[in-house]
Amino acid sequence: MAGFDRIDRISAEVARELDRILRDEVHDPRLGGTWSILRAEVTRDLRYCKVRISVLEPEKRKDVMAALKSAAGFIRRELGRRVELRYVPELLFEMDTNIEYAAHISEILKREEERDERHDP
């Protein structure tokens, strides 16, 4: 479907520009640590954009989310200047813990594998 290809391209462009804005323009000390934008999903009507953020350090997640929510208006304005869209979508930031979950599962599998190696003759 051509409509979804367009939305996918817009979403990818929004994700790239959001990353640049957050790294270069937002100078909030709470926006520290290791974080990344995993995905930006713009709705078909271009009114909303769900931004999935991953923060590696669990103790910094609340601070990063608070910084993003307080800077949302500034981020949206900058996004409007950088991406040519009829409507600049409202940004909805969400925490994504899939990377942490995958690391947890990997650690469990590694421990089980080591246990099996010790018990095999």
Protein backbone atom coordinates (compact mmCIF):
# COMPACT_ATOMS: atom_id res chain seq x y z
CA MET A 1 0.00 0.00 0.00
CA ALA A 2 1.40 3.35 -1.03
CA GLY A 3 -0.22 5.24 1.89
CA PHE A 4 1.60 3.17 4.46
CA ASP A 5 4.92 3.60 2.65
CA ARG A 6 4.50 7.36 2.94
CA ILE A 7 3.68 7.15 6.66
CA ASP A 8 6.67 4.85 7.20
CA ARG A 9 8.97 7.34 5.45
CA ILE A 10 7.56 10.22 7.49
CA SER A 11 7.95 8.22 10.70
CA ALA A 12 11.59 7.43 9.89
CA GLU A 13 12.33 11.08 9.09
CA VAL A 14 10.64 12.21 12.31
CA ALA A 15 12.71 9.69 14.32
CA ARG A 16 15.96 10.94 12.74
CA GLU A 17 15.14 14.58 13.40
CA LEU A 18 13.96 13.89 16.95
CA ASP A 19 17.26 12.19 17.68
CA ARG A 20 19.19 15.20 16.33
CA ILE A 21 17.04 17.65 18.29
CA LEU A 22 17.38 15.72 21.55
CA ARG A 23 21.14 15.30 21.22
CA ASP A 24 21.98 18.79 19.92
CA GLU A 25 19.30 21.20 21.12
CA VAL A 26 17.83 19.94 24.42
CA HIS A 27 20.22 20.80 27.23
CA ASP A 28 18.32 19.29 30.16
CA PRO A 29 20.67 17.56 32.63
CA ARG A 30 18.01 14.90 33.26
CA LEU A 31 18.43 13.77 29.65
CA GLY A 32 21.61 11.88 30.44
CA GLY A 33 22.82 8.33 30.41
CA THR A 34 22.52 5.91 27.56
CA TRP A 35 19.26 6.28 25.67
CA SER A 36 18.00 5.91 22.14
CA ILE A 37 14.90 6.45 20.07
CA LEU A 38 13.83 3.01 18.95
CA ARG A 39 10.89 4.00 16.82
CA ALA A 40 8.59 6.89 15.98
CA GLU A 41 5.11 5.97 14.78
CA VAL A 42 3.19 8.80 13.12
CA THR A 43 -0.55 8.27 12.79
CA ARG A 44 -2.08 8.30 9.31
CA ASP A 45 -3.66 11.72 9.91
CA LEU A 46 -0.25 13.09 11.04
CA ARG A 47 -1.76 14.42 14.28
CA TYR A 48 0.13 12.22 16.76
CA CYS A 49 3.51 10.55 16.95
CA LYS A 50 4.25 7.81 19.46
CA VAL A 51 7.97 7.92 20.24
CA ARG A 52 9.46 4.75 21.80
CA ILE A 53 12.51 5.52 23.96
CA SER A 54 14.90 3.01 25.48
CA VAL A 55 17.05 3.97 28.47
CA LEU A 56 19.74 1.50 29.46
CA GLU A 57 20.08 2.58 33.12
CA PRO A 58 16.87 1.80 35.05
CA GLU A 59 17.56 4.51 37.64
CA LYS A 60 17.56 7.23 34.96
CA ARG A 61 14.30 6.30 33.21
CA LYS A 62 12.02 8.57 35.23
CA ASP A 63 14.35 11.54 34.80
CA VAL A 64 14.65 11.02 31.04
CA MET A 65 10.88 10.73 30.64
CA ALA A 66 10.32 13.84 32.79
CA ALA A 67 12.84 15.78 30.68
CA LEU A 68 11.16 14.68 27.45
CA LYS A 69 7.69 15.57 28.67
CA SER A 70 8.77 19.01 29.91
CA ALA A 71 10.57 19.77 26.63
CA ALA A 72 7.83 18.37 24.37
CA GLY A 73 6.65 21.81 23.20
CA PHE A 74 10.17 22.94 22.30
CA ILE A 75 10.89 19.61 20.58
CA ARG A 76 7.68 19.83 18.58
CA ARG A 77 8.45 23.40 17.47
CA GLU A 78 11.96 22.40 16.36
CA LEU A 79 10.53 19.38 14.55
CA GLY A 80 8.16 21.69 12.67
CA ARG A 81 11.10 23.81 11.53
CA ARG A 82 13.07 20.81 10.28
CA VAL A 83 10.43 18.55 8.70
CA GLU A 84 8.02 19.89 6.12
CA LEU A 85 4.60 18.63 7.14
CA ARG A 86 1.17 20.21 6.99
CA TYR A 87 0.68 19.34 10.67
CA VAL A 88 3.43 18.83 13.21
CA PRO A 89 2.33 15.80 15.21
CA GLU A 90 1.81 15.93 18.96
CA LEU A 91 4.59 13.88 20.54
CA LEU A 92 3.73 11.05 22.93
CA PHE A 93 6.83 9.63 24.58
CA GLU A 94 6.75 6.01 25.81
CA MET A 95 9.37 3.93 27.59
CA ASP A 96 10.43 0.77 25.78
CA THR A 97 12.07 -1.96 27.85
CA ASN A 98 12.44 -4.60 25.13
CA ILE A 99 16.23 -4.28 25.03
CA GLU A 100 16.48 -4.77 28.79
CA TYR A 101 14.13 -7.75 28.57
CA ALA A 102 16.21 -9.32 25.79
CA ALA A 103 19.39 -8.85 27.85
CA HIS A 104 17.67 -10.48 30.83
CA ILE A 105 16.59 -13.49 28.76
CA SER A 106 20.09 -13.77 27.28
CA GLU A 107 21.59 -13.83 30.78
CA ILE A 108 19.17 -16.55 31.90
CA LEU A 109 19.99 -18.66 28.85
CA LYS A 110 23.72 -18.20 29.43
CA ARG A 111 23.39 -19.34 33.07
CA GLU A 112 21.36 -22.38 32.05
CA GLU A 113 23.89 -23.28 29.39
CA GLU A 114 26.74 -23.03 31.91
CA ARG A 115 24.78 -25.17 34.38
CA ASP A 116 24.16 -27.81 31.72
CA GLU A 117 27.87 -27.88 30.81
CA ARG A 118 28.81 -28.48 34.46
CA HIS A 119 26.34 -31.36 34.80
CA ASP A 120 27.23 -33.09 31.53
CA PRO A 121 29.90 -35.78 31.92
